[in-house]
Amino acid sequence: MIATKRLLSLSLAAATALLLVNCSPSLPPDGKPVTDANGKPVNPYPEGTYDHFRAEPNYRKTYDVYKNEELLTKTDESNSSIVINLSNQRAQLMNGDKVAMDYPICSGTEERPTPPGDYKILEKIVDKHSNTYGKIVDAEGEVVNSNADVNKDPIPEGGKFIGAPMAYWMRLTWDGVGHHVGPVRRYPASHACVRGPKGTMPIVYSKVKVGTSVRVQ
């Protein structure tokens, strides 16, 4: 009888230990919890830090912009660079090796991909319009093609081509790839350019110069 009670006690202790293990947050190698007792993701980094921003589950889908305001005020054309990440559709304005700002971007489609590589900004124009892509209107000014390629699509008699606006243009290649204001989907949707939010691009533009390094990866 005593042996039976001892066996039951040991079994209960083992089950309790197993339950406690299963209910404890899972830990990565650094010992910081990444999920709570219910398996819900837990951000292990202090709020307001860049590590916390990147560790959020919706990082790749969010339209939110991270700014290190103190570092951003110290960022200028003498110490800045840009890193564009095609896989997560985000870009970082860098000050040396530190992130001053992280913002959503929209790169080229599979048919017209944004080419990865290391670039220098070749040209800056605040009010730029595309020479290739835009819309075609008829003689009355009505839009007949809202996604036109001037090299392929016909223009009706009396009509005209109107290039798509690409404000705060920063040219990366001489064959038409640049970084500029444009609709930011959370997936690749451009004609190879890298679009950025209208509230963010003026800041980026003001912090760089012709010759600033841009890495597309």
N, C-alpha and C. Protein backbone atom coordinates (compact mmCIF):
# COMPACT_ATOMS: atom_id res chain seq x y z
N MET A 1 0.84 -1.21 0.00
CA MET A 1 0.00 0.00 0.00
C MET A 1 0.87 1.26 0.00
N ILE A 2 1.93 1.23 0.86
CA ILE A 2 2.85 2.37 0.93
C ILE A 2 3.55 2.57 -0.40
N ALA A 3 3.95 1.44 -1.01
CA ALA A 3 4.63 1.50 -2.31
C ALA A 3 3.70 2.09 -3.37
N THR A 4 2.42 1.70 -3.28
CA THR A 4 1.45 2.22 -4.26
C THR A 4 1.27 3.72 -4.10
N LYS A 5 1.16 4.17 -2.82
CA LYS A 5 1.01 5.61 -2.57
C LYS A 5 2.23 6.38 -3.06
N ARG A 6 3.43 5.78 -2.83
CA ARG A 6 4.67 6.46 -3.26
C ARG A 6 4.70 6.58 -4.78
N LEU A 7 4.26 5.52 -5.47
CA LEU A 7 4.23 5.52 -6.94
C LEU A 7 3.26 6.58 -7.46
N LEU A 8 2.09 6.68 -6.79
CA LEU A 8 1.11 7.69 -7.19
C LEU A 8 1.65 9.10 -6.97
N SER A 9 2.36 9.30 -5.86
CA SER A 9 2.92 10.62 -5.56
C SER A 9 3.96 11.02 -6.60
N LEU A 10 4.81 10.05 -6.99
CA LEU A 10 5.84 10.32 -7.99
C LEU A 10 5.21 10.65 -9.34
N SER A 11 4.14 9.91 -9.68
CA SER A 11 3.46 10.15 -10.95
C SER A 11 2.83 11.53 -10.98
N LEU A 12 2.19 11.91 -9.83
CA LEU A 12 1.57 13.22 -9.74
C LEU A 12 2.60 14.33 -9.85
N ALA A 13 3.75 14.13 -9.22
CA ALA A 13 4.81 15.13 -9.28
C ALA A 13 5.33 15.30 -10.70
N ALA A 14 5.49 14.17 -11.39
CA ALA A 14 5.98 14.22 -12.77
C ALA A 14 4.98 14.93 -13.67
N ALA A 15 3.69 14.63 -13.47
CA ALA A 15 2.65 15.26 -14.29
C ALA A 15 2.60 16.76 -14.03
N THR A 16 2.75 17.14 -12.74
CA THR A 16 2.74 18.56 -12.39
C THR A 16 3.91 19.29 -13.02
N ALA A 17 5.08 18.65 -12.98
CA ALA A 17 6.27 19.25 -13.58
C ALA A 17 6.09 19.44 -15.08
N LEU A 18 5.50 18.41 -15.73
CA LEU A 18 5.27 18.49 -17.16
C LEU A 18 4.29 19.62 -17.49
N LEU A 19 3.25 19.76 -16.65
CA LEU A 19 2.27 20.82 -16.86
C LEU A 19 2.91 22.19 -16.72
N LEU A 20 3.79 22.33 -15.73
CA LEU A 20 4.45 23.61 -15.52
C LEU A 20 5.35 23.96 -16.68
N VAL A 21 6.03 22.95 -17.22
CA VAL A 21 6.89 23.18 -18.38
C VAL A 21 6.07 23.64 -19.56
N ASN A 22 4.92 22.96 -19.79
CA ASN A 22 4.08 23.28 -20.93
C ASN A 22 3.44 24.66 -20.81
N CYS A 23 3.22 25.13 -19.58
CA CYS A 23 2.56 26.41 -19.37
C CYS A 23 3.55 27.57 -19.29
N SER A 24 4.84 27.27 -19.23
CA SER A 24 5.83 28.33 -19.15
C SER A 24 6.09 28.91 -20.53
N PRO A 25 6.44 30.19 -20.59
CA PRO A 25 6.76 30.79 -21.89
C PRO A 25 7.94 30.07 -22.52
N SER A 26 7.91 29.90 -23.86
CA SER A 26 9.05 29.29 -24.53
C SER A 26 10.19 30.29 -24.55
N LEU A 27 11.41 29.80 -24.45
CA LEU A 27 12.57 30.67 -24.34
C LEU A 27 13.54 30.43 -25.49
N PRO A 28 14.01 31.48 -26.13
CA PRO A 28 15.07 31.35 -27.12
C PRO A 28 16.40 31.20 -26.39
N PRO A 29 17.51 31.03 -27.09
CA PRO A 29 18.81 30.84 -26.43
C PRO A 29 19.19 31.95 -25.47
N ASP A 30 18.72 33.18 -25.69
CA ASP A 30 19.10 34.27 -24.80
C ASP A 30 18.24 34.33 -23.54
N GLY A 31 17.29 33.40 -23.40
CA GLY A 31 16.49 33.32 -22.20
C GLY A 31 15.29 34.23 -22.14
N LYS A 32 15.00 34.96 -23.22
CA LYS A 32 13.86 35.88 -23.23
C LYS A 32 12.62 35.17 -23.77
N PRO A 33 11.48 35.29 -23.09
CA PRO A 33 10.27 34.60 -23.56
C PRO A 33 9.78 35.17 -24.88
N VAL A 34 9.30 34.29 -25.76
CA VAL A 34 8.74 34.74 -27.03
C VAL A 34 7.26 34.38 -27.16
N THR A 35 6.77 33.49 -26.27
CA THR A 35 5.34 33.19 -26.21
C THR A 35 4.92 33.11 -24.75
N ASP A 36 3.64 33.42 -24.50
CA ASP A 36 3.15 33.33 -23.13
C ASP A 36 2.60 31.94 -22.87
N ALA A 37 1.95 31.77 -21.71
CA ALA A 37 1.45 30.46 -21.31
C ALA A 37 0.41 29.92 -22.28
N ASN A 38 -0.25 30.80 -23.01
CA ASN A 38 -1.26 30.37 -23.98
C ASN A 38 -0.72 30.25 -25.40
N GLY A 39 0.59 30.40 -25.53
CA GLY A 39 1.20 30.29 -26.84
C GLY A 39 1.12 31.56 -27.66
N LYS A 40 0.64 32.65 -27.04
CA LYS A 40 0.53 33.92 -27.75
C LYS A 40 1.91 34.58 -27.84
N PRO A 41 2.30 35.09 -29.01
CA PRO A 41 3.61 35.73 -29.14
C PRO A 41 3.78 36.89 -28.16
N VAL A 42 4.95 36.97 -27.57
CA VAL A 42 5.29 38.04 -26.65
C VAL A 42 6.56 38.72 -27.17
N ASN A 43 6.50 40.02 -27.36
CA ASN A 43 7.67 40.76 -27.82
C ASN A 43 8.63 40.92 -26.65
N PRO A 44 9.84 40.36 -26.74
CA PRO A 44 10.74 40.38 -25.59
C PRO A 44 11.53 41.67 -25.41
N TYR A 45 11.38 42.62 -26.33
CA TYR A 45 12.21 43.82 -26.29
C TYR A 45 11.44 45.02 -25.75
N PRO A 46 12.12 45.99 -25.17
CA PRO A 46 11.45 47.16 -24.60
C PRO A 46 10.70 47.96 -25.67
N GLU A 47 9.50 48.40 -25.33
CA GLU A 47 8.71 49.21 -26.27
C GLU A 47 9.47 50.49 -26.62
N GLY A 48 9.34 50.89 -27.87
CA GLY A 48 10.00 52.09 -28.34
C GLY A 48 11.36 51.84 -28.96
N THR A 49 11.92 50.64 -28.76
CA THR A 49 13.21 50.32 -29.35
C THR A 49 13.01 49.76 -30.76
N TYR A 50 14.07 49.83 -31.55
CA TYR A 50 13.98 49.29 -32.91
C TYR A 50 13.85 47.78 -32.88
N ASP A 51 14.51 47.12 -31.92
CA ASP A 51 14.37 45.66 -31.79
C ASP A 51 12.91 45.29 -31.55
N HIS A 52 12.22 46.06 -30.71
CA HIS A 52 10.80 45.81 -30.44
C HIS A 52 9.97 45.99 -31.72
N PHE A 53 10.24 47.05 -32.46
CA PHE A 53 9.51 47.32 -33.70
C PHE A 53 9.67 46.16 -34.69
N ARG A 54 10.88 45.68 -34.87
CA ARG A 54 11.14 44.60 -35.82
C ARG A 54 10.59 43.26 -35.35
N ALA A 55 10.49 43.08 -34.04
CA ALA A 55 10.03 41.80 -33.49
C ALA A 55 8.51 41.66 -33.48
N GLU A 56 7.79 42.74 -33.80
CA GLU A 56 6.34 42.65 -33.83
C GLU A 56 5.88 41.67 -34.92
N PRO A 57 4.87 40.84 -34.62
CA PRO A 57 4.43 39.81 -35.59
C PRO A 57 4.00 40.38 -36.94
N ASN A 58 3.49 41.61 -36.96
CA ASN A 58 2.99 42.18 -38.21
C ASN A 58 4.02 43.08 -38.90
N TYR A 59 5.29 42.94 -38.54
CA TYR A 59 6.33 43.83 -39.08
C TYR A 59 6.32 43.87 -40.60
N ARG A 60 6.19 42.73 -41.24
CA ARG A 60 6.27 42.69 -42.70
C ARG A 60 5.02 43.25 -43.38
N LYS A 61 3.93 43.36 -42.66
CA LYS A 61 2.67 43.82 -43.26
C LYS A 61 2.29 45.24 -42.84
N THR A 62 2.90 45.75 -41.79
CA THR A 62 2.46 47.03 -41.26
C THR A 62 2.87 48.20 -42.15
N TYR A 63 2.06 49.25 -42.08
CA TYR A 63 2.39 50.51 -42.74
C TYR A 63 3.10 51.46 -41.77
N ASP A 64 3.29 51.02 -40.54
CA ASP A 64 3.91 51.87 -39.53
C ASP A 64 5.35 52.23 -39.91
N VAL A 65 5.77 53.38 -39.44
CA VAL A 65 7.13 53.86 -39.67
C VAL A 65 7.84 53.99 -38.33
N TYR A 66 9.04 53.44 -38.24
CA TYR A 66 9.85 53.59 -37.04
C TYR A 66 10.79 54.78 -37.22
N LYS A 67 10.85 55.62 -36.19
CA LYS A 67 11.79 56.74 -36.23
C LYS A 67 12.55 56.80 -34.90
N ASN A 68 13.85 56.88 -35.00
CA ASN A 68 14.68 57.22 -33.86
C ASN A 68 14.91 58.72 -33.97
N GLU A 69 14.04 59.48 -33.31
CA GLU A 69 14.02 60.93 -33.51
C GLU A 69 15.36 61.58 -33.20
N GLU A 70 16.00 61.14 -32.12
CA GLU A 70 17.30 61.74 -31.75
C GLU A 70 18.34 61.47 -32.83
N LEU A 71 18.38 60.22 -33.31
CA LEU A 71 19.35 59.87 -34.35
C LEU A 71 18.99 60.53 -35.68
N LEU A 72 17.69 60.66 -35.95
CA LEU A 72 17.24 61.25 -37.21
C LEU A 72 17.69 62.71 -37.32
N THR A 73 17.66 63.43 -36.21
CA THR A 73 18.09 64.83 -36.25
C THR A 73 19.59 64.95 -36.54
N LYS A 74 20.33 63.89 -36.25
CA LYS A 74 21.78 63.90 -36.49
C LYS A 74 22.15 63.30 -37.85
N THR A 75 21.13 62.83 -38.57
CA THR A 75 21.37 62.19 -39.86
C THR A 75 21.32 63.23 -40.97
N ASP A 76 22.34 63.23 -41.81
CA ASP A 76 22.37 64.15 -42.95
C ASP A 76 23.13 63.50 -44.09
N GLU A 77 23.34 64.26 -45.15
CA GLU A 77 23.96 63.69 -46.35
C GLU A 77 25.40 63.24 -46.14
N SER A 78 26.00 63.63 -45.02
CA SER A 78 27.39 63.24 -44.75
C SER A 78 27.52 61.86 -44.12
N ASN A 79 26.42 61.36 -43.52
CA ASN A 79 26.53 60.09 -42.80
C ASN A 79 25.41 59.11 -43.12
N SER A 80 24.58 59.42 -44.11
CA SER A 80 23.40 58.60 -44.39
C SER A 80 23.65 57.57 -45.49
N SER A 81 22.82 56.55 -45.49
CA SER A 81 22.72 55.58 -46.58
C SER A 81 21.33 54.97 -46.48
N ILE A 82 20.94 54.23 -47.52
CA ILE A 82 19.63 53.59 -47.55
C ILE A 82 19.81 52.11 -47.81
N VAL A 83 19.05 51.29 -47.09
CA VAL A 83 19.01 49.85 -47.33
C VAL A 83 17.58 49.48 -47.68
N ILE A 84 17.38 48.81 -48.80
CA ILE A 84 16.05 48.40 -49.26
C ILE A 84 15.98 46.88 -49.24
N ASN A 85 15.04 46.35 -48.47
CA ASN A 85 14.88 44.90 -48.32
C ASN A 85 13.69 44.43 -49.13
N LEU A 86 13.95 43.72 -50.22
CA LEU A 86 12.89 43.28 -51.10
C LEU A 86 12.02 42.21 -50.47
N SER A 87 12.61 41.33 -49.65
CA SER A 87 11.87 40.20 -49.11
C SER A 87 10.77 40.63 -48.15
N ASN A 88 11.03 41.65 -47.33
CA ASN A 88 9.99 42.09 -46.39
C ASN A 88 9.37 43.43 -46.76
N GLN A 89 9.75 43.97 -47.93
CA GLN A 89 9.15 45.22 -48.42
C GLN A 89 9.27 46.35 -47.39
N ARG A 90 10.50 46.50 -46.87
CA ARG A 90 10.81 47.57 -45.93
C ARG A 90 12.12 48.22 -46.36
N ALA A 91 12.33 49.44 -45.93
CA ALA A 91 13.60 50.12 -46.17
C ALA A 91 14.05 50.82 -44.90
N GLN A 92 15.35 51.00 -44.79
CA GLN A 92 15.91 51.68 -43.63
C GLN A 92 16.78 52.84 -44.08
N LEU A 93 16.54 53.99 -43.48
CA LEU A 93 17.44 55.13 -43.61
C LEU A 93 18.47 54.98 -42.51
N MET A 94 19.72 54.85 -42.90
CA MET A 94 20.78 54.56 -41.94
C MET A 94 21.59 55.80 -41.61
N ASN A 95 22.08 55.84 -40.37
CA ASN A 95 23.10 56.79 -39.95
C ASN A 95 24.29 55.95 -39.54
N GLY A 96 25.27 55.85 -40.41
CA GLY A 96 26.35 54.90 -40.16
C GLY A 96 25.79 53.49 -40.17
N ASP A 97 25.98 52.77 -39.06
CA ASP A 97 25.44 51.41 -38.98
C ASP A 97 24.19 51.33 -38.11
N LYS A 98 23.58 52.48 -37.80
CA LYS A 98 22.39 52.52 -36.96
C LYS A 98 21.17 52.94 -37.79
N VAL A 99 20.00 52.42 -37.42
CA VAL A 99 18.76 52.71 -38.14
C VAL A 99 18.13 53.99 -37.60
N ALA A 100 18.03 54.99 -38.46
CA ALA A 100 17.36 56.23 -38.08
C ALA A 100 15.86 56.16 -38.36
N MET A 101 15.50 55.43 -39.42
CA MET A 101 14.09 55.30 -39.79
C MET A 101 13.89 54.01 -40.57
N ASP A 102 12.77 53.34 -40.32
CA ASP A 102 12.39 52.11 -41.02
C ASP A 102 10.97 52.32 -41.55
N TYR A 103 10.78 52.12 -42.85
CA TYR A 103 9.49 52.46 -43.45
C TYR A 103 9.11 51.43 -44.52
N PRO A 104 7.80 51.32 -44.82
CA PRO A 104 7.34 50.37 -45.83
C PRO A 104 7.66 50.86 -47.23
N ILE A 105 7.94 49.92 -48.13
CA ILE A 105 8.17 50.26 -49.53
C ILE A 105 7.39 49.29 -50.41
N CYS A 106 7.36 49.59 -51.68
CA CYS A 106 6.71 48.72 -52.66
C CYS A 106 7.65 48.61 -53.87
N SER A 107 8.18 47.42 -54.10
CA SER A 107 9.15 47.22 -55.18
C SER A 107 8.49 46.65 -56.42
N GLY A 108 9.32 46.27 -57.40
CA GLY A 108 8.82 45.81 -58.68
C GLY A 108 8.19 44.44 -58.65
N THR A 109 7.29 44.22 -59.59
CA THR A 109 6.61 42.94 -59.72
C THR A 109 7.56 41.88 -60.26
N GLU A 110 7.08 40.64 -60.29
CA GLU A 110 7.89 39.55 -60.84
C GLU A 110 8.22 39.80 -62.31
N GLU A 111 7.28 40.42 -63.03
CA GLU A 111 7.50 40.71 -64.45
C GLU A 111 8.47 41.89 -64.65
N ARG A 112 8.46 42.83 -63.71
CA ARG A 112 9.36 43.98 -63.78
C ARG A 112 10.05 44.14 -62.42
N PRO A 113 10.95 43.24 -62.08
CA PRO A 113 11.54 43.23 -60.74
C PRO A 113 12.51 44.38 -60.49
N THR A 114 12.60 44.78 -59.24
CA THR A 114 13.62 45.73 -58.84
C THR A 114 14.95 45.00 -58.75
N PRO A 115 15.97 45.42 -59.48
CA PRO A 115 17.24 44.68 -59.48
C PRO A 115 18.02 44.90 -58.19
N PRO A 116 18.39 43.82 -57.49
CA PRO A 116 19.22 43.97 -56.30
C PRO A 116 20.63 44.42 -56.67
N GLY A 117 21.29 45.04 -55.73
CA GLY A 117 22.66 45.48 -55.98
C GLY A 117 23.01 46.70 -55.14
N ASP A 118 24.23 47.15 -55.29
CA ASP A 118 24.71 48.35 -54.60
C ASP A 118 24.72 49.52 -55.58
N TYR A 119 24.06 50.60 -55.20
CA TYR A 119 23.90 51.75 -56.09
C TYR A 119 24.34 53.04 -55.40
N LYS A 120 24.48 54.06 -56.20
CA LYS A 120 24.64 55.44 -55.72
C LYS A 120 23.48 56.25 -56.28
N ILE A 121 22.97 57.19 -55.51
CA ILE A 121 21.94 58.08 -56.03
C ILE A 121 22.55 58.93 -57.14
N LEU A 122 21.94 58.85 -58.32
CA LEU A 122 22.48 59.52 -59.51
C LEU A 122 21.85 60.88 -59.77
N GLU A 123 20.65 61.08 -59.22
CA GLU A 123 19.89 62.29 -59.54
C GLU A 123 18.80 62.48 -58.49
N LYS A 124 18.52 63.72 -58.15
CA LYS A 124 17.43 64.05 -57.23
C LYS A 124 16.55 65.12 -57.87
N ILE A 125 15.24 64.84 -57.93
CA ILE A 125 14.27 65.81 -58.46
C ILE A 125 13.03 65.76 -57.57
N VAL A 126 12.63 66.90 -57.02
CA VAL A 126 11.47 66.93 -56.14
C VAL A 126 10.19 66.62 -56.90
N ASP A 127 9.98 67.28 -58.04
CA ASP A 127 8.74 67.12 -58.80
C ASP A 127 9.04 66.42 -60.13
N LYS A 128 9.03 65.10 -60.10
CA LYS A 128 9.38 64.28 -61.26
C LYS A 128 8.16 63.52 -61.76
N HIS A 129 8.07 63.35 -63.08
CA HIS A 129 7.03 62.52 -63.68
C HIS A 129 7.68 61.48 -64.58
N SER A 130 7.06 60.32 -64.65
CA SER A 130 7.60 59.23 -65.46
C SER A 130 7.55 59.58 -66.94
N ASN A 131 8.60 59.18 -67.64
CA ASN A 131 8.62 59.34 -69.10
C ASN A 131 8.02 58.13 -69.81
N THR A 132 7.75 57.06 -69.03
CA THR A 132 7.30 55.80 -69.64
C THR A 132 5.91 55.37 -69.19
N TYR A 133 5.66 55.44 -67.88
CA TYR A 133 4.40 54.92 -67.33
C TYR A 133 3.51 56.06 -66.84
N GLY A 134 2.21 55.88 -67.02
CA GLY A 134 1.26 56.90 -66.58
C GLY A 134 -0.12 56.61 -67.12
N LYS A 135 -0.81 57.63 -67.56
CA LYS A 135 -2.16 57.46 -68.10
C LYS A 135 -2.30 58.16 -69.44
N ILE A 136 -3.27 57.70 -70.22
CA ILE A 136 -3.57 58.30 -71.51
C ILE A 136 -4.98 58.87 -71.46
N VAL A 137 -5.12 60.11 -71.88
CA VAL A 137 -6.44 60.75 -71.91
C VAL A 137 -6.80 61.05 -73.36
N ASP A 138 -8.11 61.12 -73.62
CA ASP A 138 -8.56 61.44 -74.98
C ASP A 138 -8.64 62.96 -75.17
N ALA A 139 -9.17 63.37 -76.31
CA ALA A 139 -9.23 64.80 -76.63
C ALA A 139 -10.07 65.59 -75.64
N GLU A 140 -11.03 64.92 -74.99
CA GLU A 140 -11.88 65.59 -73.99
C GLU A 140 -11.28 65.55 -72.59
N GLY A 141 -10.13 64.93 -72.47
CA GLY A 141 -9.49 64.84 -71.16
C GLY A 141 -9.92 63.65 -70.33
N GLU A 142 -10.73 62.76 -70.91
CA GLU A 142 -11.16 61.57 -70.19
C GLU A 142 -10.07 60.50 -70.24
N VAL A 143 -9.86 59.84 -69.12
CA VAL A 143 -8.84 58.79 -69.05
C VAL A 143 -9.31 57.57 -69.82
N VAL A 144 -8.50 57.12 -70.78
CA VAL A 144 -8.84 55.93 -71.55
C VAL A 144 -7.91 54.76 -71.21
N ASN A 145 -6.81 55.06 -70.54
CA ASN A 145 -5.88 54.01 -70.09
C ASN A 145 -5.17 54.54 -68.86
N SER A 146 -5.47 53.96 -67.70
CA SER A 146 -4.92 54.47 -66.44
C SER A 146 -3.59 53.83 -66.08
N ASN A 147 -3.18 52.80 -66.82
CA ASN A 147 -1.91 52.13 -66.54
C ASN A 147 -1.16 51.95 -67.86
N ALA A 148 -0.83 53.06 -68.47
CA ALA A 148 -0.29 53.04 -69.83
C ALA A 148 1.23 52.99 -69.87
N ASP A 149 1.74 52.34 -70.90
CA ASP A 149 3.15 52.35 -71.25
C ASP A 149 3.25 53.13 -72.56
N VAL A 150 3.87 54.29 -72.53
CA VAL A 150 3.89 55.17 -73.70
C VAL A 150 4.57 54.52 -74.90
N ASN A 151 5.42 53.54 -74.64
CA ASN A 151 6.13 52.87 -75.72
C ASN A 151 5.30 51.76 -76.38
N LYS A 152 4.18 51.39 -75.76
CA LYS A 152 3.40 50.27 -76.27
C LYS A 152 1.94 50.63 -76.55
N ASP A 153 1.37 51.52 -75.77
CA ASP A 153 -0.07 51.77 -75.85
C ASP A 153 -0.39 52.95 -76.78
N PRO A 154 -1.42 52.80 -77.62
CA PRO A 154 -1.77 53.86 -78.57
C PRO A 154 -2.39 55.08 -77.88
N ILE A 155 -2.14 56.23 -78.45
CA ILE A 155 -2.74 57.48 -77.97
C ILE A 155 -3.75 57.94 -79.01
N PRO A 156 -5.01 58.12 -78.62
CA PRO A 156 -6.03 58.51 -79.60
C PRO A 156 -5.76 59.91 -80.15
N GLU A 157 -6.30 60.18 -81.31
CA GLU A 157 -6.12 61.48 -81.94
C GLU A 157 -6.64 62.58 -81.01
N GLY A 158 -5.82 63.56 -80.78
CA GLY A 158 -6.18 64.66 -79.89
C GLY A 158 -5.91 64.36 -78.43
N GLY A 159 -5.57 63.12 -78.12
CA GLY A 159 -5.28 62.74 -76.74
C GLY A 159 -3.82 62.95 -76.40
N LYS A 160 -3.45 62.58 -75.19
CA LYS A 160 -2.06 62.73 -74.77
C LYS A 160 -1.72 61.77 -73.64
N PHE A 161 -0.43 61.58 -73.46
CA PHE A 161 0.11 60.77 -72.37
C PHE A 161 0.49 61.69 -71.22
N ILE A 162 0.12 61.30 -69.99
CA ILE A 162 0.49 62.05 -68.79
C ILE A 162 1.29 61.12 -67.90
N GLY A 163 2.55 61.45 -67.70
CA GLY A 163 3.43 60.60 -66.90
C GLY A 163 3.00 60.54 -65.45
N ALA A 164 3.17 59.36 -64.85
CA ALA A 164 2.82 59.18 -63.44
C ALA A 164 3.72 60.04 -62.55
N PRO A 165 3.14 60.68 -61.53
CA PRO A 165 3.96 61.49 -60.63
C PRO A 165 4.90 60.60 -59.81
N MET A 166 6.13 61.06 -59.66
CA MET A 166 7.13 60.32 -58.88
C MET A 166 7.90 61.33 -58.02
N ALA A 167 7.16 61.96 -57.10
CA ALA A 167 7.74 63.03 -56.29
C ALA A 167 8.90 62.53 -55.44
N TYR A 168 9.80 63.43 -55.15
CA TYR A 168 11.00 63.15 -54.36
C TYR A 168 11.80 62.00 -54.97
N TRP A 169 12.00 62.14 -56.27
CA TRP A 169 12.69 61.15 -57.09
C TRP A 169 14.18 61.09 -56.75
N MET A 170 14.66 59.86 -56.51
CA MET A 170 16.08 59.59 -56.32
C MET A 170 16.46 58.47 -57.28
N ARG A 171 17.15 58.83 -58.34
CA ARG A 171 17.47 57.87 -59.39
C ARG A 171 18.57 56.90 -58.95
N LEU A 172 18.32 55.59 -59.23
CA LEU A 172 19.31 54.56 -58.93
C LEU A 172 20.00 54.04 -60.18
N THR A 173 19.30 54.02 -61.31
CA THR A 173 19.89 53.56 -62.57
C THR A 173 19.48 54.50 -63.69
N TRP A 174 20.27 54.52 -64.75
CA TRP A 174 19.95 55.39 -65.88
C TRP A 174 18.90 54.78 -66.80
N ASP A 175 18.49 53.53 -66.51
CA ASP A 175 17.41 52.94 -67.32
C ASP A 175 16.07 52.98 -66.60
N GLY A 176 15.94 53.89 -65.62
CA GLY A 176 14.61 54.18 -65.11
C GLY A 176 14.23 53.72 -63.73
N VAL A 177 15.16 53.12 -62.98
CA VAL A 177 14.83 52.66 -61.63
C VAL A 177 15.19 53.74 -60.62
N GLY A 178 14.23 54.05 -59.76
CA GLY A 178 14.48 55.06 -58.73
C GLY A 178 13.65 54.79 -57.49
N HIS A 179 13.85 55.63 -56.49
CA HIS A 179 13.12 55.56 -55.22
C HIS A 179 12.32 56.85 -55.11
N HIS A 180 11.01 56.74 -54.90
CA HIS A 180 10.16 57.94 -54.96
C HIS A 180 8.82 57.69 -54.26
N VAL A 181 8.04 58.74 -54.11
CA VAL A 181 6.68 58.62 -53.57
C VAL A 181 5.81 57.84 -54.54
N GLY A 182 4.97 56.96 -54.00
CA GLY A 182 4.04 56.21 -54.83
C GLY A 182 3.16 55.33 -53.97
N PRO A 183 2.14 54.73 -54.56
CA PRO A 183 1.26 53.83 -53.80
C PRO A 183 2.07 52.68 -53.20
N VAL A 184 1.94 52.48 -51.91
CA VAL A 184 2.69 51.43 -51.22
C VAL A 184 1.77 50.28 -50.88
N ARG A 185 1.80 49.24 -51.69
CA ARG A 185 1.11 48.00 -51.34
C ARG A 185 2.03 47.25 -50.38
N ARG A 186 1.51 46.23 -49.74
CA ARG A 186 2.39 45.42 -48.90
C ARG A 186 2.84 44.18 -49.65
N TYR A 187 3.06 44.38 -50.94
CA TYR A 187 3.58 43.33 -51.83
C TYR A 187 4.17 44.05 -53.05
N PRO A 188 5.06 43.41 -53.80
CA PRO A 188 5.65 44.05 -54.98
C PRO A 188 4.59 44.39 -56.02
N ALA A 189 4.54 45.65 -56.45
CA ALA A 189 3.48 46.07 -57.38
C ALA A 189 3.91 47.18 -58.33
N SER A 190 5.18 47.56 -58.33
CA SER A 190 5.62 48.68 -59.16
C SER A 190 6.20 48.20 -60.49
N HIS A 191 6.63 49.16 -61.31
CA HIS A 191 7.28 48.86 -62.60
C HIS A 191 8.79 48.80 -62.43
N ALA A 192 9.28 48.36 -61.29
CA ALA A 192 10.70 48.19 -60.95
C ALA A 192 11.22 49.27 -60.01
N CYS A 193 10.57 50.43 -59.96
CA CYS A 193 10.98 51.45 -59.00
C CYS A 193 10.63 51.01 -57.57
N VAL A 194 11.19 51.72 -56.62
CA VAL A 194 10.91 51.46 -55.21
C VAL A 194 10.07 52.62 -54.67
N ARG A 195 8.79 52.36 -54.46
CA ARG A 195 7.89 53.40 -53.95
C ARG A 195 7.99 53.50 -52.43
N GLY A 196 7.75 54.71 -51.93
CA GLY A 196 7.71 54.94 -50.50
C GLY A 196 6.55 55.84 -50.13
N PRO A 197 6.16 55.91 -48.85
CA PRO A 197 5.01 56.71 -48.43
C PRO A 197 5.25 58.21 -48.62
N LYS A 198 4.15 58.93 -48.94
CA LYS A 198 4.28 60.37 -49.19
C LYS A 198 4.68 61.15 -47.95
N GLY A 199 4.38 60.61 -46.77
CA GLY A 199 4.77 61.30 -45.55
C GLY A 199 6.19 61.02 -45.12
N THR A 200 6.81 60.03 -45.73
CA THR A 200 8.15 59.60 -45.35
C THR A 200 9.22 60.04 -46.34
N MET A 201 8.90 59.99 -47.62
CA MET A 201 9.91 60.24 -48.64
C MET A 201 10.53 61.64 -48.59
N PRO A 202 9.77 62.69 -48.24
CA PRO A 202 10.43 64.00 -48.12
C PRO A 202 11.54 64.00 -47.06
N ILE A 203 11.35 63.22 -45.99
CA ILE A 203 12.38 63.14 -44.95
C ILE A 203 13.60 62.42 -45.50
N VAL A 204 13.37 61.27 -46.14
CA VAL A 204 14.49 60.51 -46.71
C VAL A 204 15.24 61.39 -47.71
N TYR A 205 14.49 62.04 -48.58
CA TYR A 205 15.07 62.89 -49.63
C TYR A 205 15.97 63.97 -49.03
N SER A 206 15.52 64.54 -47.91
CA SER A 206 16.27 65.64 -47.29
C SER A 206 17.55 65.19 -46.61
N LYS A 207 17.68 63.89 -46.38
CA LYS A 207 18.83 63.36 -45.64
C LYS A 207 19.92 62.79 -46.54
N VAL A 208 19.69 62.76 -47.85
CA VAL A 208 20.65 62.14 -48.76
C VAL A 208 21.08 63.13 -49.84
N LYS A 209 22.06 62.74 -50.63
CA LYS A 209 22.58 63.58 -51.71
C LYS A 209 22.88 62.71 -52.93
N VAL A 210 23.15 63.34 -54.05
CA VAL A 210 23.66 62.61 -55.20
C VAL A 210 25.00 61.99 -54.78
N GLY A 211 25.09 60.67 -54.90
CA GLY A 211 26.28 59.96 -54.45
C GLY A 211 26.06 59.12 -53.21
N THR A 212 24.94 59.33 -52.50
CA THR A 212 24.63 58.51 -51.32
C THR A 212 24.45 57.05 -51.72
N SER A 213 24.96 56.15 -50.90
CA SER A 213 24.88 54.71 -51.17
C SER A 213 23.49 54.17 -50.89
N VAL A 214 23.02 53.30 -51.79
CA VAL A 214 21.74 52.60 -51.63
C VAL A 214 21.98 51.13 -51.92
N ARG A 215 21.68 50.29 -50.95
CA ARG A 215 21.79 48.84 -51.14
C ARG A 215 20.40 48.25 -51.30
N VAL A 216 20.18 47.52 -52.38
CA VAL A 216 18.93 46.81 -52.61
C VAL A 216 19.24 45.33 -52.47
N GLN A 217 18.58 44.68 -51.52
CA GLN A 217 18.90 43.28 -51.23
C GLN A 217 17.65 42.45 -50.99
